């Protein structure tokens, strides 16, 4: 499978790195997958661990709309400019890292940024995940997959799934030959519209 010429012309990838460790196994796996994207597709890499981004404060019920600070505004703009957002997070306690979860929490605030139309603009775009874990049985990452899938469903995005690999010590992901093979074609996978489980059940039942 390859990305067709039409899709290449207007695709732009944002890789959101959510590890507490630079050059971690999840990042290595993501860069392997990114290396197989067509040369004409722009890539932007953002390391959440290096951003001066405070913990998210939920102000949805305050009278004034949410006004992001400078760093947050740059992150919002980078997110809106991408057709494809790739969440790169190691599996921490069977879900996303704290840095990654904070980034997604900020999506809640961006729903209320005046004139941003965040949800409307993200609808139809693609969400992907890349994760490395210490466990050989990737089913233990179901919580991470569900979190990303349901986030995409809420935003009416498309979901390309999660590229997984097994590694614990730094750099060990390079020994996971199957993960590296999957990385070569990962971004050529189908990206169907993400639906909540109850929506999928309703579609099957013809409701």
C-alpha atoms as a PDB file:
ATOM      1  CA  UNK A   1       0.000   0.000   0.000  1.00  0.00           C
ATOM      2  CA  UNK A   2       1.105   3.550  -0.722  1.00  0.00           C
ATOM      3  CA  UNK A   3      -0.328   7.001  -0.227  1.00  0.00           C
ATOM      4  CA  UNK A   4      -1.908   8.154  -3.466  1.00  0.00           C
ATOM      5  CA  UNK A   5      -0.569  11.240  -5.234  1.00  0.00           C
ATOM      6  CA  UNK A   6      -3.600  13.361  -4.382  1.00  0.00           C
ATOM      7  CA  UNK A   7      -3.306  12.674  -0.664  1.00  0.00           C
ATOM      8  CA  UNK A   8       0.433  13.387  -0.678  1.00  0.00           C
ATOM      9  CA  UNK A   9      -0.141  16.859  -2.076  1.00  0.00           C
ATOM     10  CA  UNK A  10      -2.151  18.093   0.887  1.00  0.00           C
ATOM     11  CA  UNK A  11      -0.941  15.983   3.825  1.00  0.00           C
ATOM     12  CA  UNK A  12       1.047  17.358   6.763  1.00  0.00           C
ATOM     13  CA  UNK A  13       2.146  15.299   9.779  1.00  0.00           C
ATOM     14  CA  UNK A  14       2.567  16.538  13.348  1.00  0.00           C
ATOM     15  CA  UNK A  15       4.475  14.110  15.591  1.00  0.00           C
ATOM     16  CA  UNK A  16       3.765  14.818  19.264  1.00  0.00           C
ATOM     17  CA  UNK A  17       6.462  13.255  21.445  1.00  0.00           C
ATOM     18  CA  UNK A  18       5.187  12.463  24.924  1.00  0.00           C
ATOM     19  CA  UNK A  19       8.044  10.603  26.592  1.00  0.00           C
ATOM     20  CA  UNK A  20       9.963  11.846  29.613  1.00  0.00           C
ATOM     21  CA  UNK A  21      13.143  10.542  27.921  1.00  0.00           C
ATOM     22  CA  UNK A  22      14.689  11.979  24.765  1.00  0.00           C
ATOM     23  CA  UNK A  23      15.269   9.543  21.899  1.00  0.00           C
ATOM     24  CA  UNK A  24      13.166   6.909  23.616  1.00  0.00           C
ATOM     25  CA  UNK A  25      11.976   3.684  22.029  1.00  0.00           C
ATOM     26  CA  UNK A  26       8.596   5.109  21.032  1.00  0.00           C
ATOM     27  CA  UNK A  27      10.304   8.014  19.268  1.00  0.00           C
ATOM     28  CA  UNK A  28      12.726   5.689  17.485  1.00  0.00           C
ATOM     29  CA  UNK A  29       9.806   3.604  16.235  1.00  0.00           C
ATOM     30  CA  UNK A  30       7.908   6.725  15.133  1.00  0.00           C
ATOM     31  CA  UNK A  31      10.926   8.036  13.228  1.00  0.00           C
ATOM     32  CA  UNK A  32      11.280   4.680  11.501  1.00  0.00           C
ATOM     33  CA  UNK A  33       7.666   4.923  10.338  1.00  0.00           C
ATOM     34  CA  UNK A  34       8.082   8.575   9.334  1.00  0.00           C
ATOM     35  CA  UNK A  35      11.129   7.688   7.239  1.00  0.00           C
ATOM     36  CA  UNK A  36       8.821   5.764   4.907  1.00  0.00           C
ATOM     37  CA  UNK A  37       6.461   8.671   4.254  1.00  0.00           C
ATOM     38  CA  UNK A  38       6.726  10.157   0.757  1.00  0.00           C
ATOM     39  CA  UNK A  39       9.349  12.881   0.567  1.00  0.00           C
ATOM     40  CA  UNK A  40       6.809  15.572  -0.301  1.00  0.00           C
ATOM     41  CA  UNK A  41       4.863  15.287   2.953  1.00  0.00           C
ATOM     42  CA  UNK A  42       5.867  17.883   5.580  1.00  0.00           C
ATOM     43  CA  UNK A  43       6.759  16.568   9.038  1.00  0.00           C
ATOM     44  CA  UNK A  44       6.836  18.599  12.230  1.00  0.00           C
ATOM     45  CA  UNK A  45       8.114  17.145  15.505  1.00  0.00           C
ATOM     46  CA  UNK A  46       7.149  18.614  18.880  1.00  0.00           C
ATOM     47  CA  UNK A  47       8.676  17.314  22.115  1.00  0.00           C
ATOM     48  CA  UNK A  48       6.179  18.015  24.910  1.00  0.00           C
ATOM     49  CA  UNK A  49       8.865  17.434  27.518  1.00  0.00           C
ATOM     50  CA  UNK A  50      10.758  20.520  26.346  1.00  0.00           C
ATOM     51  CA  UNK A  51       7.785  22.894  26.302  1.00  0.00           C
ATOM     52  CA  UNK A  52       7.083  25.316  29.129  1.00  0.00           C
ATOM     53  CA  UNK A  53       3.474  24.206  29.263  1.00  0.00           C
ATOM     54  CA  UNK A  54       1.670  24.425  32.616  1.00  0.00           C
ATOM     55  CA  UNK A  55      -0.767  21.811  33.843  1.00  0.00           C
ATOM     56  CA  UNK A  56      -4.150  22.152  32.202  1.00  0.00           C
ATOM     57  CA  UNK A  57      -6.762  24.178  34.064  1.00  0.00           C
ATOM     58  CA  UNK A  58     -10.366  23.462  33.135  1.00  0.00           C
ATOM     59  CA  UNK A  59     -12.089  26.804  32.582  1.00  0.00           C
ATOM     60  CA  UNK A  60     -15.000  25.625  30.470  1.00  0.00           C
ATOM     61  CA  UNK A  61     -17.589  27.081  32.827  1.00  0.00           C
ATOM     62  CA  UNK A  62     -15.966  30.467  33.275  1.00  0.00           C
ATOM     63  CA  UNK A  63     -17.709  33.459  31.741  1.00  0.00           C
ATOM     64  CA  UNK A  64     -14.833  34.478  29.443  1.00  0.00           C
ATOM     65  CA  UNK A  65     -13.517  32.251  26.673  1.00  0.00           C
ATOM     66  CA  UNK A  66     -10.224  30.448  27.153  1.00  0.00           C
ATOM     67  CA  UNK A  67      -7.224  32.551  26.091  1.00  0.00           C
ATOM     68  CA  UNK A  68      -4.085  30.447  25.542  1.00  0.00           C
ATOM     69  CA  UNK A  69      -0.592  31.622  26.451  1.00  0.00           C
ATOM     70  CA  UNK A  70       2.176  31.925  23.881  1.00  0.00           C
ATOM     71  CA  UNK A  71       3.501  28.343  24.103  1.00  0.00           C
ATOM     72  CA  UNK A  72      -0.006  26.913  24.180  1.00  0.00           C
ATOM     73  CA  UNK A  73      -1.015  29.031  21.204  1.00  0.00           C
ATOM     74  CA  UNK A  74       1.957  27.749  19.197  1.00  0.00           C
ATOM     75  CA  UNK A  75       0.991  24.179  20.058  1.00  0.00           C
ATOM     76  CA  UNK A  76      -2.632  24.860  19.082  1.00  0.00           C
ATOM     77  CA  UNK A  77      -1.521  26.321  15.763  1.00  0.00           C
ATOM     78  CA  UNK A  78       0.760  23.365  15.051  1.00  0.00           C
ATOM     79  CA  UNK A  79      -2.129  21.003  15.763  1.00  0.00           C
ATOM     80  CA  UNK A  80      -4.535  22.887  13.500  1.00  0.00           C
ATOM     81  CA  UNK A  81      -2.027  23.028  10.658  1.00  0.00           C
ATOM     82  CA  UNK A  82      -1.625  19.234  10.540  1.00  0.00           C
ATOM     83  CA  UNK A  83      -3.827  16.878   8.575  1.00  0.00           C
ATOM     84  CA  UNK A  84      -2.357  13.984  10.557  1.00  0.00           C
ATOM     85  CA  UNK A  85      -1.567  14.083  14.276  1.00  0.00           C
ATOM     86  CA  UNK A  86       0.662  11.271  15.534  1.00  0.00           C
ATOM     87  CA  UNK A  87       0.704  10.698  19.292  1.00  0.00           C
ATOM     88  CA  UNK A  88       4.045   9.161  20.241  1.00  0.00           C
ATOM     89  CA  UNK A  89       3.896   7.904  23.821  1.00  0.00           C
ATOM     90  CA  UNK A  90       5.417   5.006  25.720  1.00  0.00           C
ATOM     91  CA  UNK A  91       2.975   2.806  27.573  1.00  0.00           C
ATOM     92  CA  UNK A  92       2.974   4.088  31.167  1.00  0.00           C
ATOM     93  CA  UNK A  93       0.729   2.180  33.570  1.00  0.00           C
ATOM     94  CA  UNK A  94      -1.205   0.773  30.628  1.00  0.00           C
ATOM     95  CA  UNK A  95      -2.133   4.117  29.115  1.00  0.00           C
ATOM     96  CA  UNK A  96      -0.674   7.369  27.816  1.00  0.00           C
ATOM     97  CA  UNK A  97       2.171   9.232  29.474  1.00  0.00           C
ATOM     98  CA  UNK A  98       1.411  12.243  31.670  1.00  0.00           C
ATOM     99  CA  UNK A  99       2.856  14.621  29.068  1.00  0.00           C
ATOM    100  CA  UNK A 100       0.658  13.161  26.347  1.00  0.00           C
ATOM    101  CA  UNK A 101      -2.466  13.180  28.504  1.00  0.00           C
ATOM    102  CA  UNK A 102      -1.863  16.841  29.342  1.00  0.00           C
ATOM    103  CA  UNK A 103      -1.641  17.656  25.639  1.00  0.00           C
ATOM    104  CA  UNK A 104      -4.985  15.964  25.006  1.00  0.00           C
ATOM    105  CA  UNK A 105      -6.444  17.722  28.060  1.00  0.00           C
ATOM    106  CA  UNK A 106      -5.556  21.001  26.354  1.00  0.00           C
ATOM    107  CA  UNK A 107      -7.808  19.958  23.494  1.00  0.00           C
ATOM    108  CA  UNK A 108     -10.674  20.463  25.962  1.00  0.00           C
ATOM    109  CA  UNK A 109      -9.599  24.066  26.462  1.00  0.00           C
ATOM    110  CA  UNK A 110      -9.144  24.651  22.748  1.00  0.00           C
ATOM    111  CA  UNK A 111     -12.775  23.760  22.200  1.00  0.00           C
ATOM    112  CA  UNK A 112     -13.535  27.084  23.897  1.00  0.00           C
ATOM    113  CA  UNK A 113     -10.883  29.342  22.413  1.00  0.00           C
ATOM    114  CA  UNK A 114     -12.768  32.220  20.755  1.00  0.00           C
ATOM    115  CA  UNK A 115     -12.970  31.850  16.961  1.00  0.00           C
ATOM    116  CA  UNK A 116     -10.788  28.731  16.905  1.00  0.00           C
ATOM    117  CA  UNK A 117     -13.565  26.332  15.784  1.00  0.00           C
ATOM    118  CA  UNK A 118     -11.218  23.639  17.026  1.00  0.00           C
ATOM    119  CA  UNK A 119     -13.588  20.673  16.884  1.00  0.00           C
ATOM    120  CA  UNK A 120     -14.997  21.635  13.509  1.00  0.00           C
ATOM    121  CA  UNK A 121     -11.525  22.105  12.022  1.00  0.00           C
ATOM    122  CA  UNK A 122     -10.183  18.824  13.414  1.00  0.00           C
ATOM    123  CA  UNK A 123     -13.128  16.798  12.088  1.00  0.00           C
ATOM    124  CA  UNK A 124     -12.082  14.538   9.231  1.00  0.00           C
ATOM    125  CA  UNK A 125      -8.382  14.742  10.020  1.00  0.00           C
ATOM    126  CA  UNK A 126      -6.388  11.688  11.052  1.00  0.00           C
ATOM    127  CA  UNK A 127      -5.149  10.575  14.453  1.00  0.00           C
ATOM    128  CA  UNK A 128      -2.439   7.932  14.840  1.00  0.00           C
ATOM    129  CA  UNK A 129      -0.526   6.441  17.758  1.00  0.00           C
ATOM    130  CA  UNK A 130       2.941   4.967  18.250  1.00  0.00           C
ATOM    131  CA  UNK A 131       3.958   3.254  21.463  1.00  0.00           C
ATOM    132  CA  UNK A 132       6.671   1.023  22.886  1.00  0.00           C
ATOM    133  CA  UNK A 133       6.113  -1.164  25.935  1.00  0.00           C
ATOM    134  CA  UNK A 134       8.043  -3.628  28.043  1.00  0.00           C
ATOM    135  CA  UNK A 135       5.438  -6.371  27.556  1.00  0.00           C
ATOM    136  CA  UNK A 136       5.429  -8.903  24.705  1.00  0.00           C
ATOM    137  CA  UNK A 137       1.629  -9.134  24.726  1.00  0.00           C
ATOM    138  CA  UNK A 138       0.430  -5.931  23.110  1.00  0.00           C
ATOM    139  CA  UNK A 139      -3.109  -6.462  24.359  1.00  0.00           C
ATOM    140  CA  UNK A 140      -1.965  -4.803  27.589  1.00  0.00           C
ATOM    141  CA  UNK A 141      -1.995  -1.504  25.648  1.00  0.00           C
ATOM    142  CA  UNK A 142      -5.745  -1.671  25.039  1.00  0.00           C
ATOM    143  CA  UNK A 143      -6.283   1.260  27.419  1.00  0.00           C
ATOM    144  CA  UNK A 144      -3.966   3.485  25.389  1.00  0.00           C
ATOM    145  CA  UNK A 145      -5.611   2.438  22.119  1.00  0.00           C
ATOM    146  CA  UNK A 146      -9.091   3.086  23.499  1.00  0.00           C
ATOM    147  CA  UNK A 147      -8.092   6.528  24.782  1.00  0.00           C
ATOM    148  CA  UNK A 148      -6.828   7.577  21.355  1.00  0.00           C
ATOM    149  CA  UNK A 149      -9.665   5.950  19.446  1.00  0.00           C
ATOM    150  CA  UNK A 150     -12.348   7.579  21.589  1.00  0.00           C
ATOM    151  CA  UNK A 151     -10.587  10.949  21.423  1.00  0.00           C
ATOM    152  CA  UNK A 152     -10.714  10.682  17.638  1.00  0.00           C
ATOM    153  CA  UNK A 153     -14.371   9.636  17.796  1.00  0.00           C
ATOM    154  CA  UNK A 154     -15.312  12.645  19.912  1.00  0.00           C
ATOM    155  CA  UNK A 155     -13.528  15.003  17.526  1.00  0.00           C
ATOM    156  CA  UNK A 156     -15.034  13.229  14.482  1.00  0.00           C
ATOM    157  CA  UNK A 157     -11.563  12.427  13.239  1.00  0.00           C
ATOM    158  CA  UNK A 158     -10.339   9.371  11.380  1.00  0.00           C
ATOM    159  CA  UNK A 159      -8.205   6.841  13.267  1.00  0.00           C
ATOM    160  CA  UNK A 160      -5.236   5.004  11.780  1.00  0.00           C
ATOM    161  CA  UNK A 161      -4.559   2.778  14.772  1.00  0.00           C
ATOM    162  CA  UNK A 162      -1.483   2.371  16.949  1.00  0.00           C
ATOM    163  CA  UNK A 163       1.935   1.105  15.892  1.00  0.00           C
ATOM    164  CA  UNK A 164       3.286  -1.009  18.750  1.00  0.00           C
ATOM    165  CA  UNK A 165       6.664  -2.424  19.634  1.00  0.00           C
ATOM    166  CA  UNK A 166       8.303  -4.184  22.552  1.00  0.00           C
ATOM    167  CA  UNK A 167      11.267  -2.565  24.300  1.00  0.00           C
ATOM    168  CA  UNK A 168      12.299  -1.426  27.750  1.00  0.00           C
ATOM    169  CA  UNK A 169      15.955  -0.448  27.855  1.00  0.00           C
ATOM    170  CA  UNK A 170      17.016   2.523  25.681  1.00  0.00           C
ATOM    171  CA  UNK A 171      17.309   1.629  22.015  1.00  0.00           C
ATOM    172  CA  UNK A 172      16.006  -1.918  22.382  1.00  0.00           C
ATOM    173  CA  UNK A 173      13.153  -1.260  19.959  1.00  0.00           C
ATOM    174  CA  UNK A 174      15.660  -1.804  17.161  1.00  0.00           C
ATOM    175  CA  UNK A 175      15.708  -5.482  18.126  1.00  0.00           C
ATOM    176  CA  UNK A 176      11.951  -5.801  17.521  1.00  0.00           C
ATOM    177  CA  UNK A 177      12.141  -6.787  13.874  1.00  0.00           C
ATOM    178  CA  UNK A 178       8.384  -7.208  13.486  1.00  0.00           C
ATOM    179  CA  UNK A 179       7.723  -3.702  14.795  1.00  0.00           C
ATOM    180  CA  UNK A 180      10.232  -2.253  12.340  1.00  0.00           C
ATOM    181  CA  UNK A 181       8.573  -4.146   9.497  1.00  0.00           C
ATOM    182  CA  UNK A 182       5.140  -2.825  10.501  1.00  0.00           C
ATOM    183  CA  UNK A 183       6.576   0.691  10.675  1.00  0.00           C
ATOM    184  CA  UNK A 184       7.441   0.646   6.973  1.00  0.00           C
ATOM    185  CA  UNK A 185       3.779   0.588   5.904  1.00  0.00           C
ATOM    186  CA  UNK A 186       2.050   1.926   9.004  1.00  0.00           C
ATOM    187  CA  UNK A 187       1.050   5.291   7.543  1.00  0.00           C
ATOM    188  CA  UNK A 188      -0.368   3.582   4.458  1.00  0.00           C
ATOM    189  CA  UNK A 189      -3.028   1.913   6.632  1.00  0.00           C
ATOM    190  CA  UNK A 190      -6.693   2.697   6.162  1.00  0.00           C
ATOM    191  CA  UNK A 191      -8.046   5.479   8.371  1.00  0.00           C
ATOM    192  CA  UNK A 192     -11.789   4.928   8.786  1.00  0.00           C
ATOM    193  CA  UNK A 193     -13.909   7.442  10.684  1.00  0.00           C
ATOM    194  CA  UNK A 194     -13.580   6.779  14.405  1.00  0.00           C
ATOM    195  CA  UNK A 195     -16.844   5.763  16.050  1.00  0.00           C
ATOM    196  CA  UNK A 196     -17.707   5.104  19.679  1.00  0.00           C
ATOM    197  CA  UNK A 197     -18.635   1.493  20.445  1.00  0.00           C
ATOM    198  CA  UNK A 198     -22.323   2.369  20.793  1.00  0.00           C
ATOM    199  CA  UNK A 199     -22.245   4.061  17.373  1.00  0.00           C
ATOM    200  CA  UNK A 200     -20.645   1.005  15.807  1.00  0.00           C
ATOM    201  CA  UNK A 201     -23.271  -1.224  17.428  1.00  0.00           C
ATOM    202  CA  UNK A 202     -26.019   1.039  16.127  1.00  0.00           C
ATOM    203  CA  UNK A 203     -24.579   0.937  12.618  1.00  0.00           C
ATOM    204  CA  UNK A 204     -24.491  -2.863  12.674  1.00  0.00           C
ATOM    205  CA  UNK A 205     -28.073  -2.969  13.929  1.00  0.00           C
ATOM    206  CA  UNK A 206     -29.149  -0.528  11.241  1.00  0.00           C
ATOM    207  CA  UNK A 207     -30.292   2.098  13.736  1.00  0.00           C
END
